[in-house]
């Protein structure tokens, strides 16, 4: 299925995302503890017999790929928007010879017919999730499945409120995701949600962590704005254990509908 050409604003946004992840590719794994935990829980939702042909969206450095490879799929296609992420994955994981690599924006690139489309902590990046879910539905074989984890709107709510700006992600409610899945023709089989409270030594350490996992806001703060943000967040959300953030996590496992 051919993709659409991005408009200039989409192209600029996409390039900034690629640059953000590429800049921190070597340190991503060290700071992605939450993503690793999410990968474990998401993998547990996929039942046996395991689908034969798999497409992983936003594979990154391979945090979730490890779980997929452990189930010995017949064919696995790995996708990521950042070429350097793919290169890092290939140099750190034993990728089977039958694996396929697909570099590009998953919302537009042509994707193969598969039995399972999966993505860990990546669907929040979609700029048009409704159309993207419809494309995924069309690219799934009969009796195909969709499995993904993503972040809910309460994620980093305190930080986003204090900073008075939004990050580059779309944090949809569980109700909205369920509606989009139904509209795209999926039948939801399993849904799970959880909240996590994560502590950092201080606000500066929190911001650094967000940068290392590519989740920092794309707007660059002026030095004075950054200092004020750190002061305000340290004051409002500190504890004896450090400053804290709350994360809302969603896990979906859906079947391609018959209609």
Protein backbone atom coordinates (compact mmCIF):
# COMPACT_ATOMS: atom_id res chain seq x y z
CA UNK A 1 0.00 0.00 0.00
CA UNK A 2 1.75 3.20 -1.10
CA UNK A 3 2.18 5.97 1.40
CA UNK A 4 1.46 9.65 1.05
CA UNK A 5 4.09 12.33 0.65
CA UNK A 6 4.47 14.50 3.78
CA UNK A 7 3.70 18.21 3.66
CA UNK A 8 6.53 20.59 4.66
CA UNK A 9 5.44 20.85 8.30
CA UNK A 10 5.17 17.07 8.64
CA UNK A 11 8.56 16.64 7.01
CA UNK A 12 10.16 19.11 9.42
CA UNK A 13 8.53 17.44 12.42
CA UNK A 14 9.65 14.02 11.21
CA UNK A 15 13.24 15.18 10.73
CA UNK A 16 13.38 16.62 14.24
CA UNK A 17 12.13 13.31 15.66
CA UNK A 18 14.80 11.41 13.70
CA UNK A 19 17.50 13.78 14.94
CA UNK A 20 16.31 13.49 18.54
CA UNK A 21 16.45 9.70 18.60
CA UNK A 22 19.65 9.50 16.54
CA UNK A 23 21.44 11.86 18.92
CA UNK A 24 20.80 9.58 21.88
CA UNK A 25 20.96 6.16 20.26
CA UNK A 26 24.00 5.03 22.29
CA UNK A 27 22.48 5.98 25.64
CA UNK A 28 18.83 5.10 24.98
CA UNK A 29 18.92 1.62 26.49
CA UNK A 30 20.46 2.88 29.73
CA UNK A 31 17.58 5.30 30.29
CA UNK A 32 14.68 3.21 28.91
CA UNK A 33 13.87 1.21 32.05
CA UNK A 34 10.16 1.98 31.76
CA UNK A 35 10.08 0.94 28.10
CA UNK A 36 11.72 -2.39 29.01
CA UNK A 37 9.09 -3.04 31.64
CA UNK A 38 6.34 -2.18 29.17
CA UNK A 39 7.88 -4.53 26.61
CA UNK A 40 7.72 -7.44 29.05
CA UNK A 41 4.07 -6.83 29.84
CA UNK A 42 3.10 -6.33 26.20
CA UNK A 43 4.86 -9.53 25.13
CA UNK A 44 2.84 -11.46 27.70
CA UNK A 45 -0.40 -10.40 25.98
CA UNK A 46 0.48 -12.17 22.73
CA UNK A 47 -0.77 -15.77 23.01
CA UNK A 48 0.46 -18.99 21.44
CA UNK A 49 0.51 -20.19 18.74
CA UNK A 50 2.67 -17.19 17.89
CA UNK A 51 1.91 -15.45 14.57
CA UNK A 52 4.29 -16.47 11.79
CA UNK A 53 4.83 -13.15 10.02
CA UNK A 54 5.43 -10.11 12.24
CA UNK A 55 5.95 -6.41 11.70
CA UNK A 56 7.36 -4.43 14.61
CA UNK A 57 6.67 -0.70 14.39
CA UNK A 58 9.28 1.59 15.96
CA UNK A 59 11.69 -1.17 16.93
CA UNK A 60 14.34 1.34 18.07
CA UNK A 61 17.31 -0.35 19.70
CA UNK A 62 15.47 -3.67 20.09
CA UNK A 63 13.93 -3.40 23.57
CA UNK A 64 10.76 -5.20 22.42
CA UNK A 65 12.39 -7.00 19.48
CA UNK A 66 14.13 -9.36 21.91
CA UNK A 67 10.76 -10.63 23.13
CA UNK A 68 9.49 -11.16 19.59
CA UNK A 69 12.63 -13.03 18.49
CA UNK A 70 12.39 -15.26 21.56
CA UNK A 71 9.09 -16.59 20.17
CA UNK A 72 10.83 -17.66 16.90
CA UNK A 73 8.61 -16.07 14.23
CA UNK A 74 8.97 -17.38 10.70
CA UNK A 75 9.52 -13.86 9.30
CA UNK A 76 10.02 -10.62 11.19
CA UNK A 77 10.08 -7.16 9.62
CA UNK A 78 11.64 -4.44 11.74
CA UNK A 79 10.67 -0.82 11.22
CA UNK A 80 11.98 2.43 12.67
CA UNK A 81 11.96 6.03 11.55
CA UNK A 82 15.62 6.57 12.54
CA UNK A 83 18.25 4.68 10.50
CA UNK A 84 20.80 4.91 13.32
CA UNK A 85 18.42 3.09 15.66
CA UNK A 86 18.21 0.23 13.16
CA UNK A 87 21.99 0.12 12.82
CA UNK A 88 22.38 -0.02 16.61
CA UNK A 89 19.85 -2.86 16.84
CA UNK A 90 21.60 -4.86 14.11
CA UNK A 91 24.95 -4.51 15.86
CA UNK A 92 23.64 -5.55 19.28
CA UNK A 93 21.10 -8.28 18.49
CA UNK A 94 21.46 -11.58 16.67
CA UNK A 95 18.97 -10.92 13.87
CA UNK A 96 17.91 -14.02 11.86
CA UNK A 97 18.88 -14.03 8.20
CA UNK A 98 15.22 -14.08 7.16
CA UNK A 99 14.56 -10.76 8.92
CA UNK A 100 13.58 -7.71 6.90
CA UNK A 101 14.38 -4.06 7.61
CA UNK A 102 11.97 -1.26 6.81
CA UNK A 103 13.25 2.27 7.52
CA UNK A 104 10.77 5.13 7.49
CA UNK A 105 7.67 6.66 9.01
CA UNK A 106 5.22 3.83 9.72
CA UNK A 107 2.28 6.13 8.99
CA UNK A 108 3.27 6.44 5.33
CA UNK A 109 5.65 3.72 4.16
CA UNK A 110 4.48 0.65 2.29
CA UNK A 111 4.25 -2.28 4.66
CA UNK A 112 3.96 -5.99 3.90
CA UNK A 113 1.07 -8.35 4.56
CA UNK A 114 1.69 -9.87 8.01
CA UNK A 115 -0.11 -11.81 10.77
CA UNK A 116 0.85 -9.47 13.61
CA UNK A 117 1.67 -5.76 13.83
CA UNK A 118 3.21 -4.82 17.16
CA UNK A 119 4.76 -1.73 18.72
CA UNK A 120 5.99 -0.95 22.21
CA UNK A 121 5.77 2.62 23.52
CA UNK A 122 5.53 4.05 19.99
CA UNK A 123 1.91 4.60 18.92
CA UNK A 124 1.80 7.94 20.80
CA UNK A 125 4.03 9.35 18.04
CA UNK A 126 1.37 8.88 15.35
CA UNK A 127 0.16 12.20 13.96
CA UNK A 128 -2.92 10.62 12.37
CA UNK A 129 -3.72 7.50 14.42
CA UNK A 130 -7.13 6.97 12.83
CA UNK A 131 -5.78 6.62 9.30
CA UNK A 132 -2.77 4.66 10.52
CA UNK A 133 -4.90 2.06 12.30
CA UNK A 134 -6.99 1.69 9.16
CA UNK A 135 -3.83 1.10 7.12
CA UNK A 136 -2.63 -1.49 9.61
CA UNK A 137 -5.98 -3.27 9.45
CA UNK A 138 -5.74 -3.44 5.65
CA UNK A 139 -2.20 -4.83 5.79
CA UNK A 140 -3.02 -7.62 8.23
CA UNK A 141 -3.76 -11.06 6.88
CA UNK A 142 -7.03 -12.77 7.73
CA UNK A 143 -7.14 -13.56 11.46
CA UNK A 144 -4.34 -11.01 11.97
CA UNK A 145 -3.58 -9.23 15.24
CA UNK A 146 -2.46 -5.85 16.54
CA UNK A 147 -0.55 -5.51 19.81
CA UNK A 148 0.75 -2.25 21.20
CA UNK A 149 1.53 -0.30 24.33
CA UNK A 150 1.33 3.46 24.62
CA UNK A 151 1.05 6.31 27.12
CA UNK A 152 -2.17 7.83 28.43
CA UNK A 153 -2.98 11.54 28.94
CA UNK A 154 -2.02 11.50 32.62
CA UNK A 155 1.58 10.75 31.65
CA UNK A 156 3.92 13.54 32.79
CA UNK A 157 0.85 15.62 33.56
CA UNK A 158 2.64 17.53 36.33
CA UNK A 159 5.68 18.24 34.20
CA UNK A 160 3.69 19.36 31.16
CA UNK A 161 1.55 21.63 33.33
CA UNK A 162 4.54 23.21 35.03
CA UNK A 163 6.39 23.71 31.77
CA UNK A 164 3.22 25.08 30.11
CA UNK A 165 3.79 23.31 26.81
CA UNK A 166 3.02 20.03 25.16
CA UNK A 167 5.50 17.39 24.07
CA UNK A 168 5.72 15.98 20.55
CA UNK A 169 3.45 13.02 21.34
CA UNK A 170 -0.34 12.55 21.18
CA UNK A 171 -1.52 11.13 24.50
CA UNK A 172 -4.99 9.78 23.76
CA UNK A 173 -7.39 8.45 26.37
CA UNK A 174 -8.15 4.74 26.57
CA UNK A 175 -11.70 5.52 25.41
CA UNK A 176 -10.37 7.28 22.33
CA UNK A 177 -8.00 4.43 21.45
CA UNK A 178 -10.81 1.90 21.82
CA UNK A 179 -13.06 3.97 19.57
CA UNK A 180 -10.34 4.30 16.92
CA UNK A 181 -9.68 0.56 17.00
CA UNK A 182 -13.37 -0.23 16.54
CA UNK A 183 -13.71 2.29 13.72
CA UNK A 184 -10.70 0.77 11.98
CA UNK A 185 -12.30 -2.68 12.08
CA UNK A 186 -10.51 -4.25 15.05
CA UNK A 187 -12.06 -6.33 17.80
CA UNK A 188 -10.38 -5.63 21.14
CA UNK A 189 -9.50 -8.85 22.95
CA UNK A 190 -7.36 -7.58 25.82
CA UNK A 191 -6.84 -4.18 27.40
CA UNK A 192 -4.75 -3.41 30.47
CA UNK A 193 -3.80 -0.17 32.16
CA UNK A 194 -1.43 0.79 34.94
CA UNK A 195 0.06 3.88 36.53
CA UNK A 196 3.66 4.29 37.58
CA UNK A 197 5.30 6.89 39.80
CA UNK A 198 8.95 7.31 38.94
CA UNK A 199 11.48 9.30 40.96
CA UNK A 200 14.50 11.29 39.85
CA UNK A 201 17.21 12.96 41.89
CA UNK A 202 16.03 16.38 40.72
CA UNK A 203 14.24 18.07 37.84
CA UNK A 204 17.44 18.38 35.85
CA UNK A 205 17.84 14.58 35.99
CA UNK A 206 14.22 14.18 34.88
CA UNK A 207 14.72 16.42 31.86
CA UNK A 208 17.92 14.59 30.95
CA UNK A 209 16.07 11.26 31.06
CA UNK A 210 13.33 12.58 28.77
CA UNK A 211 15.99 13.77 26.33
CA UNK A 212 17.77 10.41 26.34
CA UNK A 213 14.59 8.52 25.39
CA UNK A 214 13.54 11.09 22.78
CA UNK A 215 10.49 12.26 24.73
CA UNK A 216 11.56 15.82 25.54
CA UNK A 217 9.49 18.68 24.09
CA UNK A 218 10.68 19.78 20.68
CA UNK A 219 10.56 23.48 21.56
CA UNK A 220 13.95 24.55 22.88
CA UNK A 221 13.71 26.48 26.13
CA UNK A 222 15.63 29.65 26.67
CA UNK A 223 18.12 29.44 29.57
CA UNK A 224 15.94 31.60 31.79
CA UNK A 225 12.84 29.50 31.05
CA UNK A 226 14.71 26.30 31.82
CA UNK A 227 16.00 27.60 35.15
CA UNK A 228 12.51 28.72 36.12
CA UNK A 229 11.05 25.34 35.15
CA UNK A 230 13.61 23.52 37.29
CA UNK A 231 12.94 25.79 40.29
CA UNK A 232 9.17 25.42 39.99
CA UNK A 233 9.20 21.66 39.55
CA UNK A 234 11.72 21.09 42.34
CA UNK A 235 9.48 23.13 44.63
CA UNK A 236 6.13 21.54 43.73
CA UNK A 237 7.00 17.88 43.14
CA UNK A 238 9.92 17.04 45.40
CA UNK A 239 9.94 14.38 48.10
CA UNK A 240 12.57 12.73 50.29
CA UNK A 241 13.01 10.24 47.41
CA UNK A 242 13.51 12.99 44.82
CA UNK A 243 11.17 14.65 42.32
CA UNK A 244 8.48 12.41 40.91
CA UNK A 245 6.54 11.96 37.70
CA UNK A 246 3.42 9.93 37.01
CA UNK A 247 2.99 7.74 33.93
CA UNK A 248 -0.23 6.23 32.59
CA UNK A 249 0.38 3.10 30.53
CA UNK A 250 -2.01 1.33 28.15
CA UNK A 251 -1.71 -2.15 26.63
CA UNK A 252 -3.87 -3.33 23.73
CA UNK A 253 -4.25 -6.67 21.97
CA UNK A 254 -6.82 -6.70 19.15
CA UNK A 255 -7.95 -9.03 16.39
CA UNK A 256 -8.67 -8.02 12.81
CA UNK A 257 -12.44 -7.98 12.41
CA UNK A 258 -14.21 -10.08 9.81
CA UNK A 259 -15.92 -7.16 8.10
